[in-house]
C-alpha cells in the first residue's frame, strides 16, 4: 500500500523528493500521514478536495483487497 501511494503522489507533485509517507498502525487500521512540499499541498488536495478524495478511494480499495483498513491524512 505504501509503495502504491508513494508512486501516485510522486507523479502528482513538482517536488517528488520531498514526499514523505509515514505509516502508523493503530488498533484495526493503518493511518498514512502524507507530507509534501508546501507548494505541492494544493496539487495533492486538488480542487474542492477531489484529488485527495480520489487518493483515499484508491487507498481504501487497495487496503480492502488485503483485508485491512487504511486512512490517509495530509499534513503540512
Protein backbone atom coordinates (compact mmCIF):
# COMPACT_ATOMS: atom_id res chain seq x y z
CA UNK A 1 0.00 0.00 0.00
CA UNK A 2 2.76 2.43 0.92
CA UNK A 3 4.63 1.95 -2.36
CA UNK A 4 1.42 2.38 -4.35
CA UNK A 5 0.52 5.63 -2.60
CA UNK A 6 4.06 7.00 -2.90
CA UNK A 7 4.13 6.21 -6.62
CA UNK A 8 0.91 8.09 -7.31
CA UNK A 9 1.79 11.06 -5.10
CA UNK A 10 5.28 11.49 -6.55
CA UNK A 11 3.78 11.73 -10.03
CA UNK A 12 1.30 14.42 -8.93
CA UNK A 13 3.76 16.89 -7.39
CA UNK A 14 6.54 19.14 -8.70
CA UNK A 15 8.96 18.16 -5.91
CA UNK A 16 8.79 14.35 -5.66
CA UNK A 17 11.90 14.21 -3.48
CA UNK A 18 10.00 15.94 -0.66
CA UNK A 19 7.21 13.34 -0.48
CA UNK A 20 7.25 11.57 2.89
CA UNK A 21 4.72 8.89 3.74
CA UNK A 22 4.68 7.64 7.32
CA UNK A 23 2.50 4.62 8.12
CA UNK A 24 1.24 4.22 11.67
CA UNK A 25 -0.52 1.05 12.72
CA UNK A 26 -3.40 1.70 15.07
CA UNK A 27 -5.86 -0.80 16.52
CA UNK A 28 -7.56 -2.17 13.41
CA UNK A 29 -6.30 0.17 10.71
CA UNK A 30 -3.25 1.79 9.17
CA UNK A 31 -3.01 5.58 9.15
CA UNK A 32 -0.79 7.04 6.43
CA UNK A 33 0.48 10.56 7.09
CA UNK A 34 1.47 12.25 3.83
CA UNK A 35 3.85 15.21 3.91
CA UNK A 36 4.70 17.14 0.75
CA UNK A 37 6.44 20.41 -0.09
CA UNK A 38 4.36 23.46 0.83
CA UNK A 39 3.98 24.43 -2.83
CA UNK A 40 2.58 20.98 -3.67
CA UNK A 41 -0.12 20.73 -1.00
CA UNK A 42 -2.72 22.20 -3.34
CA UNK A 43 -1.90 19.65 -6.03
CA UNK A 44 -2.34 16.76 -3.63
CA UNK A 45 -5.61 18.12 -2.25
CA UNK A 46 -6.97 19.28 -5.60
CA UNK A 47 -9.90 21.49 -6.43
CA UNK A 48 -12.60 21.08 -3.79
CA UNK A 49 -10.61 18.13 -2.40
CA UNK A 50 -11.29 15.90 -5.39
CA UNK A 51 -7.71 14.65 -5.76
CA UNK A 52 -7.46 13.85 -2.05
CA UNK A 53 -10.79 12.03 -2.23
CA UNK A 54 -9.58 10.01 -5.21
CA UNK A 55 -6.35 9.09 -3.37
CA UNK A 56 -8.35 7.98 -0.34
CA UNK A 57 -10.68 5.92 -2.53
CA UNK A 58 -7.76 4.14 -4.20
CA UNK A 59 -6.10 3.52 -0.84
CA UNK A 60 -9.32 2.08 0.58
CA UNK A 61 -9.63 -0.27 -2.41
CA UNK A 62 -6.03 -1.49 -2.14
CA UNK A 63 -6.38 -2.00 1.62
CA UNK A 64 -9.65 -3.89 1.21
CA UNK A 65 -8.00 -6.32 -1.20
CA UNK A 66 -5.51 -7.09 1.57
CA UNK A 67 -8.24 -7.37 4.19
CA UNK A 68 -7.19 -4.20 6.01
CA UNK A 69 -8.48 -0.68 6.61
CA UNK A 70 -6.42 2.40 5.76
CA UNK A 71 -6.77 6.14 6.27
CA UNK A 72 -4.88 8.94 4.53
CA UNK A 73 -4.03 12.16 6.37
CA UNK A 74 -2.41 15.04 4.51
CA UNK A 75 -0.30 17.18 6.85
CA UNK A 76 1.68 20.38 6.31
